[in-house]
């Protein structure tokens, strides 16, 4: 099917990705995304950390090492990285 006027092709980073979510106290703390088949021990994950206020409202979503790239190890999310 052709493009309509003013349409552009785009790449959606979420399309077809495997996702992992770690919960603590009912809230998602870490979210990781990678291409299907990626092992959790491979440095091919995009990871973010969510923070919450005292009422349980999400206040920030911080990227691993300040980057949204797919170069981190899911298994090391809580011990080896900084989130900013």
PDB file of N, CA and C in Angstrom:
ATOM      1  N   UNK A   1       0.843  -1.179   0.000  1.00  0.00           N
ATOM      2  CA  UNK A   1       0.000   0.000   0.000  1.00  0.00           C
ATOM      3  C   UNK A   1       0.884   1.236   0.000  1.00  0.00           C
ATOM      4  N   UNK A   2       0.553   2.198  -0.812  1.00  0.00           N
ATOM      5  CA  UNK A   2       1.337   3.422  -0.915  1.00  0.00           C
ATOM      6  C   UNK A   2       1.065   4.374   0.228  1.00  0.00           C
ATOM      7  N   UNK A   3       1.930   5.371   0.326  1.00  0.00           N
ATOM      8  CA  UNK A   3       1.772   6.387   1.373  1.00  0.00           C
ATOM      9  C   UNK A   3       0.751   7.432   0.932  1.00  0.00           C
ATOM     10  N   UNK A   4       0.006   7.908   1.887  1.00  0.00           N
ATOM     11  CA  UNK A   4      -0.898   9.013   1.621  1.00  0.00           C
ATOM     12  C   UNK A   4      -0.112  10.306   1.680  1.00  0.00           C
ATOM     13  N   UNK A   5      -0.689  11.365   1.226  1.00  0.00           N
ATOM     14  CA  UNK A   5      -0.026  12.661   1.247  1.00  0.00           C
ATOM     15  C   UNK A   5       0.415  13.025   2.665  1.00  0.00           C
ATOM     16  N   UNK A   6       1.640  13.515   2.811  1.00  0.00           N
ATOM     17  CA  UNK A   6       2.239  13.968   4.070  1.00  0.00           C
ATOM     18  C   UNK A   6       2.540  12.835   5.049  1.00  0.00           C
ATOM     19  N   UNK A   7       2.511  11.581   4.600  1.00  0.00           N
ATOM     20  CA  UNK A   7       2.883  10.476   5.474  1.00  0.00           C
ATOM     21  C   UNK A   7       4.368  10.174   5.316  1.00  0.00           C
ATOM     22  N   UNK A   8       4.985   9.757   6.405  1.00  0.00           N
ATOM     23  CA  UNK A   8       6.384   9.366   6.372  1.00  0.00           C
ATOM     24  C   UNK A   8       6.527   8.012   7.028  1.00  0.00           C
ATOM     25  N   UNK A   9       7.499   7.240   6.559  1.00  0.00           N
ATOM     26  CA  UNK A   9       7.778   5.971   7.206  1.00  0.00           C
ATOM     27  C   UNK A   9       8.538   6.251   8.492  1.00  0.00           C
ATOM     28  N   UNK A  10       8.273   5.461   9.510  1.00  0.00           N
ATOM     29  CA  UNK A  10       8.982   5.650  10.775  1.00  0.00           C
ATOM     30  C   UNK A  10       9.267   4.300  11.392  1.00  0.00           C
ATOM     31  N   UNK A  11      10.205   4.302  12.283  1.00  0.00           N
ATOM     32  CA  UNK A  11      10.582   3.082  12.991  1.00  0.00           C
ATOM     33  C   UNK A  11      10.119   3.207  14.428  1.00  0.00           C
ATOM     34  N   UNK A  12       9.310   2.277  14.888  1.00  0.00           N
ATOM     35  CA  UNK A  12       8.850   2.281  16.275  1.00  0.00           C
ATOM     36  C   UNK A  12       9.739   1.341  17.075  1.00  0.00           C
ATOM     37  N   UNK A  13      10.426   1.846  18.074  1.00  0.00           N
ATOM     38  CA  UNK A  13      11.367   1.052  18.846  1.00  0.00           C
ATOM     39  C   UNK A  13      10.679  -0.066  19.619  1.00  0.00           C
ATOM     40  N   UNK A  14       9.392   0.059  19.900  1.00  0.00           N
ATOM     41  CA  UNK A  14       8.703  -0.951  20.692  1.00  0.00           C
ATOM     42  C   UNK A  14       8.206  -2.124  19.867  1.00  0.00           C
ATOM     43  N   UNK A  15       8.190  -2.007  18.559  1.00  0.00           N
ATOM     44  CA  UNK A  15       7.611  -3.063  17.729  1.00  0.00           C
ATOM     45  C   UNK A  15       8.392  -4.355  17.857  1.00  0.00           C
ATOM     46  N   UNK A  16       7.734  -5.413  18.288  1.00  0.00           N
ATOM     47  CA  UNK A  16       8.317  -6.728  18.322  1.00  0.00           C
ATOM     48  C   UNK A  16       9.361  -6.970  19.401  1.00  0.00           C
ATOM     49  N   UNK A  17       9.471  -6.115  20.380  1.00  0.00           N
ATOM     50  CA  UNK A  17      10.480  -6.284  21.409  1.00  0.00           C
ATOM     51  C   UNK A  17       9.969  -7.142  22.558  1.00  0.00           C
ATOM     52  N   UNK A  18      10.889  -7.903  23.144  1.00  0.00           N
ATOM     53  CA  UNK A  18      10.620  -8.628  24.372  1.00  0.00           C
ATOM     54  C   UNK A  18      10.714  -7.640  25.524  1.00  0.00           C
ATOM     55  N   UNK A  19       9.841  -7.764  26.510  1.00  0.00           N
ATOM     56  CA  UNK A  19       9.891  -6.865  27.661  1.00  0.00           C
ATOM     57  C   UNK A  19       9.982  -7.658  28.955  1.00  0.00           C
ATOM     58  N   UNK A  20      10.746  -7.121  29.883  1.00  0.00           N
ATOM     59  CA  UNK A  20      10.839  -7.662  31.250  1.00  0.00           C
ATOM     60  C   UNK A  20      10.480  -6.523  32.191  1.00  0.00           C
ATOM     61  N   UNK A  21       9.762  -6.855  33.259  1.00  0.00           N
ATOM     62  CA  UNK A  21       9.382  -5.849  34.257  1.00  0.00           C
ATOM     63  C   UNK A  21       9.618  -6.438  35.636  1.00  0.00           C
ATOM     64  N   UNK A  22      10.308  -5.669  36.475  1.00  0.00           N
ATOM     65  CA  UNK A  22      10.506  -6.081  37.870  1.00  0.00           C
ATOM     66  C   UNK A  22       9.617  -5.203  38.740  1.00  0.00           C
ATOM     67  N   UNK A  23       8.871  -5.835  39.632  1.00  0.00           N
ATOM     68  CA  UNK A  23       7.956  -5.132  40.527  1.00  0.00           C
ATOM     69  C   UNK A  23       8.467  -5.188  41.962  1.00  0.00           C
ATOM     70  N   UNK A  24       8.197  -4.141  42.708  1.00  0.00           N
ATOM     71  CA  UNK A  24       8.443  -4.111  44.142  1.00  0.00           C
ATOM     72  C   UNK A  24       7.257  -3.407  44.783  1.00  0.00           C
ATOM     73  N   UNK A  25       6.621  -4.051  45.744  1.00  0.00           N
ATOM     74  CA  UNK A  25       5.480  -3.438  46.423  1.00  0.00           C
ATOM     75  C   UNK A  25       4.341  -3.072  45.499  1.00  0.00           C
ATOM     76  N   UNK A  26       4.146  -3.804  44.414  1.00  0.00           N
ATOM     77  CA  UNK A  26       3.050  -3.528  43.498  1.00  0.00           C
ATOM     78  C   UNK A  26       3.374  -2.531  42.404  1.00  0.00           C
ATOM     79  N   UNK A  27       4.532  -1.876  42.482  1.00  0.00           N
ATOM     80  CA  UNK A  27       4.934  -0.906  41.466  1.00  0.00           C
ATOM     81  C   UNK A  27       6.040  -1.464  40.593  1.00  0.00           C
ATOM     82  N   UNK A  28       5.982  -1.151  39.308  1.00  0.00           N
ATOM     83  CA  UNK A  28       7.075  -1.507  38.406  1.00  0.00           C
ATOM     84  C   UNK A  28       8.276  -0.654  38.775  1.00  0.00           C
ATOM     85  N   UNK A  29       9.423  -1.275  38.945  1.00  0.00           N
ATOM     86  CA  UNK A  29      10.646  -0.554  39.286  1.00  0.00           C
ATOM     87  C   UNK A  29      11.575  -0.470  38.084  1.00  0.00           C
ATOM     88  N   UNK A  30      11.801  -1.595  37.419  1.00  0.00           N
ATOM     89  CA  UNK A  30      12.654  -1.644  36.241  1.00  0.00           C
ATOM     90  C   UNK A  30      11.870  -2.179  35.058  1.00  0.00           C
ATOM     91  N   UNK A  31      12.108  -1.581  33.887  1.00  0.00           N
ATOM     92  CA  UNK A  31      11.529  -2.073  32.643  1.00  0.00           C
ATOM     93  C   UNK A  31      12.678  -2.263  31.663  1.00  0.00           C
ATOM     94  N   UNK A  32      12.745  -3.453  31.070  1.00  0.00           N
ATOM     95  CA  UNK A  32      13.772  -3.743  30.088  1.00  0.00           C
ATOM     96  C   UNK A  32      13.156  -4.190  28.786  1.00  0.00           C
ATOM     97  N   UNK A  33      13.774  -3.785  27.680  1.00  0.00           N
ATOM     98  CA  UNK A  33      13.313  -4.179  26.357  1.00  0.00           C
ATOM     99  C   UNK A  33      14.507  -4.662  25.544  1.00  0.00           C
ATOM    100  N   UNK A  34      14.271  -5.713  24.754  1.00  0.00           N
ATOM    101  CA  UNK A  34      15.307  -6.258  23.886  1.00  0.00           C
ATOM    102  C   UNK A  34      14.634  -6.989  22.727  1.00  0.00           C
ATOM    103  N   UNK A  35      15.410  -7.317  21.721  1.00  0.00           N
ATOM    104  CA  UNK A  35      14.863  -8.063  20.597  1.00  0.00           C
ATOM    105  C   UNK A  35      14.620  -9.507  21.018  1.00  0.00           C
ATOM    106  N   UNK A  36      13.605 -10.138  20.458  1.00  0.00           N
ATOM    107  CA  UNK A  36      13.276 -11.516  20.833  1.00  0.00           C
ATOM    108  C   UNK A  36      14.493 -12.435  20.735  1.00  0.00           C
ATOM    109  N   UNK A  37      14.623 -13.330  21.706  1.00  0.00           N
ATOM    110  CA  UNK A  37      15.716 -14.268  21.739  1.00  0.00           C
ATOM    111  C   UNK A  37      16.939 -13.789  22.496  1.00  0.00           C
ATOM    112  N   UNK A  38      16.949 -12.524  22.918  1.00  0.00           N
ATOM    113  CA  UNK A  38      18.076 -11.995  23.671  1.00  0.00           C
ATOM    114  C   UNK A  38      18.077 -12.577  25.073  1.00  0.00           C
ATOM    115  N   UNK A  39      19.206 -13.095  25.499  1.00  0.00           N
ATOM    116  CA  UNK A  39      19.330 -13.615  26.862  1.00  0.00           C
ATOM    117  C   UNK A  39      19.418 -12.460  27.850  1.00  0.00           C
ATOM    118  N   UNK A  40      18.943 -12.669  29.070  1.00  0.00           N
ATOM    119  CA  UNK A  40      19.000 -11.603  30.077  1.00  0.00           C
ATOM    120  C   UNK A  40      20.432 -11.308  30.506  1.00  0.00           C
ATOM    121  N   UNK A  41      21.362 -12.173  30.152  1.00  0.00           N
ATOM    122  CA  UNK A  41      22.777 -11.982  30.475  1.00  0.00           C
ATOM    123  C   UNK A  41      23.554 -11.283  29.361  1.00  0.00           C
ATOM    124  N   UNK A  42      22.887 -10.976  28.254  1.00  0.00           N
ATOM    125  CA  UNK A  42      23.551 -10.299  27.133  1.00  0.00           C
ATOM    126  C   UNK A  42      23.445  -8.788  27.275  1.00  0.00           C
ATOM    127  N   UNK A  43      24.471  -8.086  26.824  1.00  0.00           N
ATOM    128  CA  UNK A  43      24.494  -6.621  26.867  1.00  0.00           C
ATOM    129  C   UNK A  43      23.769  -6.060  25.644  1.00  0.00           C
ATOM    130  N   UNK A  44      22.458  -6.342  25.587  1.00  0.00           N
ATOM    131  CA  UNK A  44      21.629  -5.921  24.454  1.00  0.00           C
ATOM    132  C   UNK A  44      20.271  -5.404  24.911  1.00  0.00           C
ATOM    133  N   UNK A  45      20.203  -4.935  26.148  1.00  0.00           N
ATOM    134  CA  UNK A  45      18.934  -4.490  26.725  1.00  0.00           C
ATOM    135  C   UNK A  45      18.879  -2.979  26.857  1.00  0.00           C
ATOM    136  N   UNK A  46      17.689  -2.430  26.687  1.00  0.00           N
ATOM    137  CA  UNK A  46      17.386  -1.038  27.016  1.00  0.00           C
ATOM    138  C   UNK A  46      16.663  -1.105  28.362  1.00  0.00           C
ATOM    139  N   UNK A  47      17.175  -0.392  29.358  1.00  0.00           N
ATOM    140  CA  UNK A  47      16.630  -0.503  30.715  1.00  0.00           C
ATOM    141  C   UNK A  47      16.320   0.881  31.274  1.00  0.00           C
ATOM    142  N   UNK A  48      15.170   0.996  31.937  1.00  0.00           N
ATOM    143  CA  UNK A  48      14.851   2.219  32.654  1.00  0.00           C
ATOM    144  C   UNK A  48      14.380   1.869  34.061  1.00  0.00           C
ATOM    145  N   UNK A  49      14.524   2.828  34.948  1.00  0.00           N
ATOM    146  CA  UNK A  49      14.103   2.662  36.343  1.00  0.00           C
ATOM    147  C   UNK A  49      13.042   3.711  36.641  1.00  0.00           C
ATOM    148  N   UNK A  50      11.958   3.283  37.272  1.00  0.00           N
ATOM    149  CA  UNK A  50      10.878   4.186  37.641  1.00  0.00           C
ATOM    150  C   UNK A  50      10.981   4.510  39.120  1.00  0.00           C
ATOM    151  N   UNK A  51      10.739   5.757  39.478  1.00  0.00           N
ATOM    152  CA  UNK A  51      10.723   6.148  40.887  1.00  0.00           C
ATOM    153  C   UNK A  51       9.343   6.692  41.238  1.00  0.00           C
ATOM    154  N   UNK A  52       9.016   6.585  42.521  1.00  0.00           N
ATOM    155  CA  UNK A  52       7.681   6.921  43.001  1.00  0.00           C
ATOM    156  C   UNK A  52       7.777   7.814  44.232  1.00  0.00           C
ATOM    157  N   UNK A  53       6.728   8.601  44.460  1.00  0.00           N
ATOM    158  CA  UNK A  53       6.666   9.400  45.691  1.00  0.00           C
ATOM    159  C   UNK A  53       6.020   8.563  46.798  1.00  0.00           C
ATOM    160  N   UNK A  54       5.851   9.136  47.968  1.00  0.00           N
ATOM    161  CA  UNK A  54       5.303   8.424  49.119  1.00  0.00           C
ATOM    162  C   UNK A  54       3.881   7.938  48.930  1.00  0.00           C
ATOM    163  N   UNK A  55       3.140   8.530  47.981  1.00  0.00           N
ATOM    164  CA  UNK A  55       1.769   8.114  47.705  1.00  0.00           C
ATOM    165  C   UNK A  55       1.682   7.035  46.627  1.00  0.00           C
ATOM    166  N   UNK A  56       2.842   6.620  46.105  1.00  0.00           N
ATOM    167  CA  UNK A  56       2.856   5.595  45.067  1.00  0.00           C
ATOM    168  C   UNK A  56       2.675   6.130  43.666  1.00  0.00           C
ATOM    169  N   UNK A  57       2.764   7.451  43.499  1.00  0.00           N
ATOM    170  CA  UNK A  57       2.658   8.047  42.171  1.00  0.00           C
ATOM    171  C   UNK A  57       4.032   8.071  41.503  1.00  0.00           C
ATOM    172  N   UNK A  58       4.088   7.662  40.247  1.00  0.00           N
ATOM    173  CA  UNK A  58       5.363   7.688  39.543  1.00  0.00           C
ATOM    174  C   UNK A  58       5.818   9.133  39.356  1.00  0.00           C
ATOM    175  N   UNK A  59       7.074   9.389  39.699  1.00  0.00           N
ATOM    176  CA  UNK A  59       7.605  10.750  39.591  1.00  0.00           C
ATOM    177  C   UNK A  59       8.701  10.888  38.546  1.00  0.00           C
ATOM    178  N   UNK A  60       9.339   9.785  38.161  1.00  0.00           N
ATOM    179  CA  UNK A  60      10.404   9.865  37.163  1.00  0.00           C
ATOM    180  C   UNK A  60      10.623   8.518  36.492  1.00  0.00           C
ATOM    181  N   UNK A  61      11.070   8.601  35.246  1.00  0.00           N
ATOM    182  CA  UNK A  61      11.517   7.442  34.492  1.00  0.00           C
ATOM    183  C   UNK A  61      12.942   7.778  34.067  1.00  0.00           C
ATOM    184  N   UNK A  62      13.901   7.048  34.608  1.00  0.00           N
ATOM    185  CA  UNK A  62      15.308   7.345  34.357  1.00  0.00           C
ATOM    186  C   UNK A  62      15.958   6.216  33.573  1.00  0.00           C
ATOM    187  N   UNK A  63      16.746   6.582  32.558  1.00  0.00           N
ATOM    188  CA  UNK A  63      17.411   5.612  31.701  1.00  0.00           C
ATOM    189  C   UNK A  63      18.707   5.126  32.321  1.00  0.00           C
ATOM    190  N   UNK A  64      19.031   3.882  32.068  1.00  0.00           N
ATOM    191  CA  UNK A  64      20.265   3.258  32.512  1.00  0.00           C
ATOM    192  C   UNK A  64      21.461   4.036  31.949  1.00  0.00           C
ATOM    193  N   UNK A  65      22.344   4.483  32.852  1.00  0.00           N
ATOM    194  CA  UNK A  65      23.521   5.267  32.483  1.00  0.00           C
ATOM    195  C   UNK A  65      23.153   6.533  31.708  1.00  0.00           C
ATOM    196  N   UNK A  66      21.877   6.954  31.780  1.00  0.00           N
ATOM    197  CA  UNK A  66      21.421   8.146  31.073  1.00  0.00           C
ATOM    198  C   UNK A  66      21.238   7.937  29.574  1.00  0.00           C
ATOM    199  N   UNK A  67      21.228   6.671  29.126  1.00  0.00           N
ATOM    200  CA  UNK A  67      21.131   6.350  27.700  1.00  0.00           C
ATOM    201  C   UNK A  67      19.928   5.455  27.433  1.00  0.00           C
ATOM    202  N   UNK A  68      19.301   5.626  26.283  1.00  0.00           N
ATOM    203  CA  UNK A  68      18.190   4.742  25.924  1.00  0.00           C
ATOM    204  C   UNK A  68      18.623   3.700  24.898  1.00  0.00           C
ATOM    205  N   UNK A  69      19.906   3.410  24.853  1.00  0.00           N
ATOM    206  CA  UNK A  69      20.434   2.452  23.888  1.00  0.00           C
ATOM    207  C   UNK A  69      20.289   1.012  24.387  1.00  0.00           C
ATOM    208  N   UNK A  70      20.430   0.089  23.464  1.00  0.00           N
ATOM    209  CA  UNK A  70      20.294  -1.337  23.749  1.00  0.00           C
ATOM    210  C   UNK A  70      21.681  -1.930  23.994  1.00  0.00           C
ATOM    211  N   UNK A  71      22.290  -1.609  25.136  1.00  0.00           N
ATOM    212  CA  UNK A  71      23.660  -2.062  25.396  1.00  0.00           C
ATOM    213  C   UNK A  71      23.891  -2.497  26.840  1.00  0.00           C
ATOM    214  N   UNK A  72      22.833  -2.836  27.538  1.00  0.00           N
ATOM    215  CA  UNK A  72      22.954  -3.155  28.957  1.00  0.00           C
ATOM    216  C   UNK A  72      22.500  -4.584  29.251  1.00  0.00           C
ATOM    217  N   UNK A  73      22.904  -5.098  30.401  1.00  0.00           N
ATOM    218  CA  UNK A  73      22.586  -6.466  30.807  1.00  0.00           C
ATOM    219  C   UNK A  73      21.418  -6.420  31.797  1.00  0.00           C
ATOM    220  N   UNK A  74      20.317  -7.061  31.443  1.00  0.00           N
ATOM    221  CA  UNK A  74      19.139  -7.057  32.316  1.00  0.00           C
ATOM    222  C   UNK A  74      19.462  -7.633  33.691  1.00  0.00           C
ATOM    223  N   UNK A  75      20.240  -8.687  33.748  1.00  0.00           N
ATOM    224  CA  UNK A  75      20.570  -9.325  35.025  1.00  0.00           C
ATOM    225  C   UNK A  75      21.324  -8.383  35.974  1.00  0.00           C
ATOM    226  N   UNK A  76      21.980  -7.361  35.445  1.00  0.00           N
ATOM    227  CA  UNK A  76      22.774  -6.425  36.250  1.00  0.00           C
ATOM    228  C   UNK A  76      22.060  -5.107  36.537  1.00  0.00           C
ATOM    229  N   UNK A  77      20.788  -5.022  36.223  1.00  0.00           N
ATOM    230  CA  UNK A  77      20.043  -3.754  36.286  1.00  0.00           C
ATOM    231  C   UNK A  77      20.115  -3.058  37.638  1.00  0.00           C
ATOM    232  N   UNK A  78      20.082  -3.805  38.735  1.00  0.00           N
ATOM    233  CA  UNK A  78      20.012  -3.186  40.071  1.00  0.00           C
ATOM    234  C   UNK A  78      21.376  -2.980  40.721  1.00  0.00           C
ATOM    235  N   UNK A  79      22.423  -3.574  40.153  1.00  0.00           N
ATOM    236  CA  UNK A  79      23.715  -3.525  40.841  1.00  0.00           C
ATOM    237  C   UNK A  79      24.818  -2.823  40.077  1.00  0.00           C
ATOM    238  N   UNK A  80      24.760  -2.798  38.764  1.00  0.00           N
ATOM    239  CA  UNK A  80      25.912  -2.323  37.986  1.00  0.00           C
ATOM    240  C   UNK A  80      25.731  -0.957  37.331  1.00  0.00           C
ATOM    241  N   UNK A  81      24.543  -0.396  37.389  1.00  0.00           N
ATOM    242  CA  UNK A  81      24.277   0.824  36.613  1.00  0.00           C
ATOM    243  C   UNK A  81      23.749   1.968  37.481  1.00  0.00           C
ATOM    244  N   UNK A  82      23.943   3.174  36.954  1.00  0.00           N
ATOM    245  CA  UNK A  82      23.337   4.381  37.518  1.00  0.00           C
ATOM    246  C   UNK A  82      22.169   4.772  36.625  1.00  0.00           C
ATOM    247  N   UNK A  83      21.198   5.440  37.188  1.00  0.00           N
ATOM    248  CA  UNK A  83      20.024   5.868  36.435  1.00  0.00           C
ATOM    249  C   UNK A  83      19.849   7.370  36.605  1.00  0.00           C
ATOM    250  N   UNK A  84      19.840   8.074  35.460  1.00  0.00           N
ATOM    251  CA  UNK A  84      19.656   9.540  35.525  1.00  0.00           C
ATOM    252  C   UNK A  84      18.875  10.031  34.328  1.00  0.00           C
TER     253      UNK A  84
END
